[in-house]
Amino acid sequence: MQPNMQEQLAQTKHCFALARRDIFTPYLLGLTFLPLLFALIFLGTILYLFGSTWQENLYGLLHWDLNLTISWLTWIQSSLDYIIRTTIVVFLAFVFLVLSLLLTLIICSFLAPFVVNFVRNKHYPTTSLDGDTSTIASILSLIGVYLLYLFFLILLLPFYFIPFVGSFVILLPNFWLFSKTLVADVGEGIFDKSTLKHIKQEQKGRIRSVTLPLYGLSLIPIIGFFAPVFALTTLSHLFLSLKSS
């Protein structure tokens, strides 16, 4: 392992260790339960709208009866029914995953300034916050990222229905969106625009070594609900340590 890789690994472990201690403070615990509350409301709404018959309702809408009367051809109808049911499950799982991710990232956009200020005041009080991006510019940038994300989703759509391959492919645009938005949310509150652009280019490896495991945590059931604030805290430590060094 090269020294540079060792340094990245050590800094990643350090940021995660600091974030793990910070996340159990009363202030960050309060912020942590906010996205959890919204996620539960979102899940409850989905269950309320679809209930236990959501799959059957969609199946009834999409079902195509071939009216085959010859017994040895009934396998065609059975195969078609299986394809329709599988497509419904994949489609709804896909929609649910995308909406959950978008909801989480939107909440993170509002929480990021509070997390950055908390981490800075507690661990890096002499480090200035030089963010100079306006709210309107941030919103426009966020809309542009989401539109590009939607384009990626549509472009990769045929792969989602391939067994095993589809479940992996969908992780790629989601990771891109996860990393892109969280880095912007935290970085724009710490660095000015030109400096942040330079940091993202020069410290690409360090940033990825933090965002990749954070994305993995966000995919774990239950833990994923608590991951947003932890991710913001970890990235705040990374960027503030880079700024203060």
Protein backbone atom coordinates (compact mmCIF):
# COMPACT_ATOMS: atom_id res chain seq x y z
CA MET A 1 0.00 0.00 0.00
CA GLN A 2 1.36 3.39 -0.99
CA PRO A 3 1.94 6.06 1.70
CA ASN A 4 -0.73 8.25 0.12
CA MET A 5 -3.28 5.44 0.46
CA GLN A 6 -2.21 4.90 4.07
CA GLU A 7 -2.74 8.58 4.76
CA GLN A 8 -6.19 8.50 3.16
CA LEU A 9 -7.18 5.45 5.17
CA ALA A 10 -5.92 6.97 8.43
CA GLN A 11 -7.80 10.23 7.80
CA THR A 12 -10.98 8.35 6.89
CA LYS A 13 -10.82 6.33 10.11
CA HIS A 14 -10.17 9.52 12.09
CA CYS A 15 -13.16 11.33 10.56
CA PHE A 16 -15.43 8.37 11.19
CA ALA A 17 -14.23 8.07 14.79
CA LEU A 18 -14.90 11.75 15.49
CA ALA A 19 -18.31 11.59 13.79
CA ARG A 20 -19.23 8.49 15.78
CA ARG A 21 -18.60 10.35 19.03
CA ASP A 22 -20.38 13.50 17.85
CA ILE A 23 -23.51 11.74 16.64
CA PHE A 24 -24.43 10.76 20.22
CA THR A 25 -24.46 14.34 21.47
CA PRO A 26 -27.96 15.68 22.30
CA TYR A 27 -27.82 18.30 19.54
CA LEU A 28 -26.99 15.92 16.70
CA LEU A 29 -29.32 13.24 18.05
CA GLY A 30 -32.11 15.79 17.75
CA LEU A 31 -31.16 16.49 14.15
CA THR A 32 -30.84 12.77 13.47
CA PHE A 33 -34.42 12.02 14.47
CA LEU A 34 -35.77 14.70 12.14
CA PRO A 35 -35.03 12.77 8.92
CA LEU A 36 -36.11 9.60 10.71
CA LEU A 37 -39.48 11.20 11.44
CA PHE A 38 -39.91 12.30 7.83
CA ALA A 39 -38.87 8.85 6.59
CA LEU A 40 -41.46 7.18 8.83
CA ILE A 41 -44.13 9.57 7.60
CA PHE A 42 -43.09 8.79 4.03
CA LEU A 43 -43.23 5.03 4.64
CA GLY A 44 -46.57 5.34 6.39
CA THR A 45 -47.99 7.33 3.48
CA ILE A 46 -46.81 4.74 0.97
CA LEU A 47 -48.34 1.92 2.99
CA TYR A 48 -51.57 3.87 3.45
CA LEU A 49 -51.90 4.63 -0.27
CA PHE A 50 -51.11 1.14 -1.50
CA GLY A 51 -51.97 -1.09 1.46
CA SER A 52 -51.62 -4.85 1.24
CA THR A 53 -53.27 -5.01 -2.20
CA TRP A 54 -50.94 -2.65 -4.09
CA GLN A 55 -49.41 -5.42 -6.17
CA GLU A 56 -52.76 -6.99 -7.02
CA ASN A 57 -54.23 -3.62 -8.04
CA LEU A 58 -51.38 -2.92 -10.43
CA TYR A 59 -51.46 -6.49 -11.69
CA GLY A 60 -55.16 -6.18 -12.43
CA LEU A 61 -54.46 -3.00 -14.38
CA LEU A 62 -51.62 -4.49 -16.44
CA HIS A 63 -52.88 -8.06 -16.72
CA TRP A 64 -53.26 -9.29 -20.28
CA ASP A 65 -55.44 -12.36 -20.68
CA LEU A 66 -54.56 -14.31 -23.82
CA ASN A 67 -57.67 -16.55 -23.51
CA LEU A 68 -55.71 -19.68 -24.37
CA THR A 69 -58.00 -22.71 -24.45
CA ILE A 70 -55.40 -25.34 -25.38
CA SER A 71 -54.02 -26.79 -22.15
CA TRP A 72 -50.44 -27.28 -23.34
CA LEU A 73 -50.22 -23.57 -24.25
CA THR A 74 -51.18 -22.33 -20.79
CA TRP A 75 -47.50 -21.99 -19.90
CA ILE A 76 -47.43 -18.91 -22.13
CA GLN A 77 -50.08 -17.22 -19.98
CA SER A 78 -48.27 -18.29 -16.80
CA SER A 79 -44.96 -16.90 -18.09
CA LEU A 80 -46.60 -13.62 -19.07
CA ASP A 81 -48.22 -13.30 -15.63
CA TYR A 82 -44.86 -13.95 -13.95
CA ILE A 83 -43.14 -11.30 -16.06
CA ILE A 84 -45.86 -8.74 -15.24
CA ARG A 85 -45.70 -9.44 -11.50
CA THR A 86 -41.89 -9.31 -11.48
CA THR A 87 -41.90 -6.05 -13.44
CA ILE A 88 -44.35 -4.50 -10.96
CA VAL A 89 -42.19 -5.47 -7.97
CA VAL A 90 -39.00 -4.17 -9.61
CA PHE A 91 -40.66 -0.94 -10.70
CA LEU A 92 -42.16 -0.15 -7.28
CA ALA A 93 -38.94 -1.06 -5.47
CA PHE A 94 -37.09 1.22 -7.88
CA VAL A 95 -39.52 4.11 -7.32
CA PHE A 96 -39.44 3.65 -3.55
CA LEU A 97 -35.63 3.61 -3.45
CA VAL A 98 -35.35 6.72 -5.61
CA LEU A 99 -37.96 8.68 -3.62
CA SER A 100 -36.38 7.64 -0.31
CA LEU A 101 -32.96 8.80 -1.49
CA LEU A 102 -34.32 12.11 -2.79
CA LEU A 103 -36.19 12.72 0.47
CA THR A 104 -33.07 12.01 2.50
CA LEU A 105 -30.89 14.32 0.42
CA ILE A 106 -33.43 17.16 0.49
CA ILE A 107 -33.53 16.95 4.29
CA CYS A 108 -29.72 16.93 4.37
CA SER A 109 -29.64 20.16 2.38
CA PHE A 110 -31.55 21.91 5.18
CA LEU A 111 -29.58 20.26 8.01
CA ALA A 112 -26.08 20.75 6.56
CA PRO A 113 -25.47 24.33 7.88
CA PHE A 114 -26.44 23.30 11.42
CA VAL A 115 -24.15 20.25 11.36
CA VAL A 116 -21.23 22.18 9.87
CA ASN A 117 -21.52 24.91 12.49
CA PHE A 118 -21.73 22.37 15.31
CA VAL A 119 -18.62 20.47 14.18
CA ARG A 120 -16.71 23.67 13.54
CA ASN A 121 -17.53 25.22 16.92
CA LYS A 122 -16.72 22.03 18.81
CA HIS A 123 -13.55 20.85 17.04
CA TYR A 124 -12.22 23.65 14.80
CA PRO A 125 -13.15 26.96 16.49
CA THR A 126 -10.33 28.90 14.83
CA THR A 127 -11.24 27.75 11.33
CA SER A 128 -13.31 30.25 9.36
CA LEU A 129 -16.32 29.36 7.27
CA ASP A 130 -15.95 31.02 3.90
CA GLY A 131 -19.00 29.73 2.07
CA ASP A 132 -20.17 32.31 -0.46
CA THR A 133 -22.80 30.41 -2.47
CA SER A 134 -26.22 32.06 -2.46
CA THR A 135 -29.39 30.12 -1.67
CA ILE A 136 -30.78 30.66 -5.17
CA ALA A 137 -27.54 29.43 -6.76
CA SER A 138 -27.58 26.35 -4.53
CA ILE A 139 -31.18 25.55 -5.45
CA LEU A 140 -30.50 25.97 -9.17
CA SER A 141 -27.41 23.79 -8.89
CA LEU A 142 -29.40 21.16 -7.00
CA ILE A 143 -32.11 21.15 -9.67
CA GLY A 144 -29.45 20.67 -12.34
CA VAL A 145 -27.98 17.71 -10.42
CA TYR A 146 -31.41 16.10 -10.04
CA LEU A 147 -32.17 16.52 -13.75
CA LEU A 148 -28.86 14.90 -14.64
CA TYR A 149 -29.63 12.12 -12.17
CA LEU A 150 -33.01 11.58 -13.85
CA PHE A 151 -31.24 11.36 -17.20
CA PHE A 152 -28.90 8.67 -15.84
CA LEU A 153 -31.88 6.72 -14.45
CA ILE A 154 -33.63 6.74 -17.82
CA LEU A 155 -30.43 5.86 -19.67
CA LEU A 156 -29.83 2.80 -17.47
CA LEU A 157 -33.50 1.75 -17.35
CA PRO A 158 -33.12 -1.42 -19.51
CA PHE A 159 -30.53 -2.83 -17.09
CA TYR A 160 -32.81 -2.61 -14.03
CA PHE A 161 -34.85 -5.62 -15.15
CA ILE A 162 -31.87 -7.94 -15.58
CA PRO A 163 -31.68 -10.26 -12.53
CA PHE A 164 -28.77 -9.45 -10.18
CA VAL A 165 -27.31 -6.94 -12.67
CA GLY A 166 -30.22 -4.53 -12.20
CA SER A 167 -29.84 -4.33 -8.42
CA PHE A 168 -26.17 -3.41 -8.86
CA VAL A 169 -26.64 -0.95 -11.72
CA ILE A 170 -29.18 1.13 -9.79
CA LEU A 171 -26.58 1.71 -7.07
CA LEU A 172 -24.33 3.63 -9.47
CA PRO A 173 -26.49 6.72 -10.20
CA ASN A 174 -27.67 6.71 -6.58
CA PHE A 175 -24.08 6.85 -5.32
CA TRP A 176 -23.29 9.64 -7.77
CA LEU A 177 -26.25 11.67 -6.50
CA PHE A 178 -25.48 10.86 -2.85
CA SER A 179 -21.85 11.95 -3.16
CA LYS A 180 -22.51 14.97 -5.39
CA THR A 181 -25.18 16.53 -3.19
CA LEU A 182 -23.63 15.84 0.23
CA VAL A 183 -20.23 17.15 -0.84
CA ALA A 184 -21.90 20.30 -2.15
CA ASP A 185 -24.08 20.72 0.97
CA VAL A 186 -21.11 20.54 3.33
CA GLY A 187 -18.38 22.00 1.13
CA GLU A 188 -20.31 25.12 0.12
CA GLY A 189 -20.72 26.04 3.77
CA ILE A 190 -16.98 25.81 4.46
CA PHE A 191 -15.13 26.91 1.32
CA ASP A 192 -15.68 29.64 -1.21
CA LYS A 193 -16.72 28.44 -4.65
CA SER A 194 -13.29 28.40 -6.32
CA THR A 195 -11.58 26.75 -3.35
CA LEU A 196 -14.21 24.03 -3.15
CA LYS A 197 -13.74 23.28 -6.85
CA HIS A 198 -9.98 22.96 -6.26
CA ILE A 199 -10.50 20.74 -3.19
CA LYS A 200 -12.79 18.38 -5.09
CA GLN A 201 -10.18 18.00 -7.81
CA GLU A 202 -7.11 17.68 -5.61
CA GLN A 203 -8.67 15.56 -2.83
CA LYS A 204 -10.84 13.31 -4.99
CA GLY A 205 -9.43 10.14 -3.43
CA ARG A 206 -9.96 11.29 0.14
CA ILE A 207 -13.50 12.43 -0.55
CA ARG A 208 -14.39 9.13 -2.23
CA SER A 209 -12.82 7.14 0.62
CA VAL A 210 -15.34 8.83 2.95
CA THR A 211 -18.44 9.02 0.76
CA LEU A 212 -18.28 5.39 -0.40
CA PRO A 213 -18.59 3.79 3.07
CA LEU A 214 -21.15 6.44 4.03
CA TYR A 215 -23.24 5.41 1.04
CA GLY A 216 -22.90 1.78 2.10
CA LEU A 217 -24.23 2.66 5.55
CA SER A 218 -27.20 4.47 4.02
CA LEU A 219 -28.24 1.24 2.28
CA ILE A 220 -28.49 -0.78 5.51
CA PRO A 221 -32.09 -1.05 6.79
CA ILE A 222 -32.80 0.94 9.98
CA ILE A 223 -29.22 2.30 10.07
CA GLY A 224 -29.94 4.07 6.80
CA PHE A 225 -32.49 6.24 8.58
CA PHE A 226 -29.77 7.60 10.88
CA ALA A 227 -27.10 7.86 8.17
CA PRO A 228 -27.83 11.39 6.80
CA VAL A 229 -26.66 13.38 9.84
CA PHE A 230 -23.76 10.98 10.40
CA ALA A 231 -22.71 11.51 6.77
CA LEU A 232 -22.90 15.30 7.13
CA THR A 233 -20.87 15.12 10.34
CA THR A 234 -18.17 12.92 8.80
CA LEU A 235 -17.82 15.13 5.72
CA SER A 236 -17.70 18.22 7.92
CA HIS A 237 -14.74 16.73 9.78
CA LEU A 238 -13.01 15.89 6.51
CA PHE A 239 -13.41 19.33 4.94
CA LEU A 240 -12.70 21.28 8.13
CA SER A 241 -9.55 19.24 8.77
CA LEU A 242 -8.41 19.90 5.20
CA LYS A 243 -9.10 23.62 5.63
CA SER A 244 -7.30 23.87 8.97
CA SER A 245 -4.24 21.88 7.86
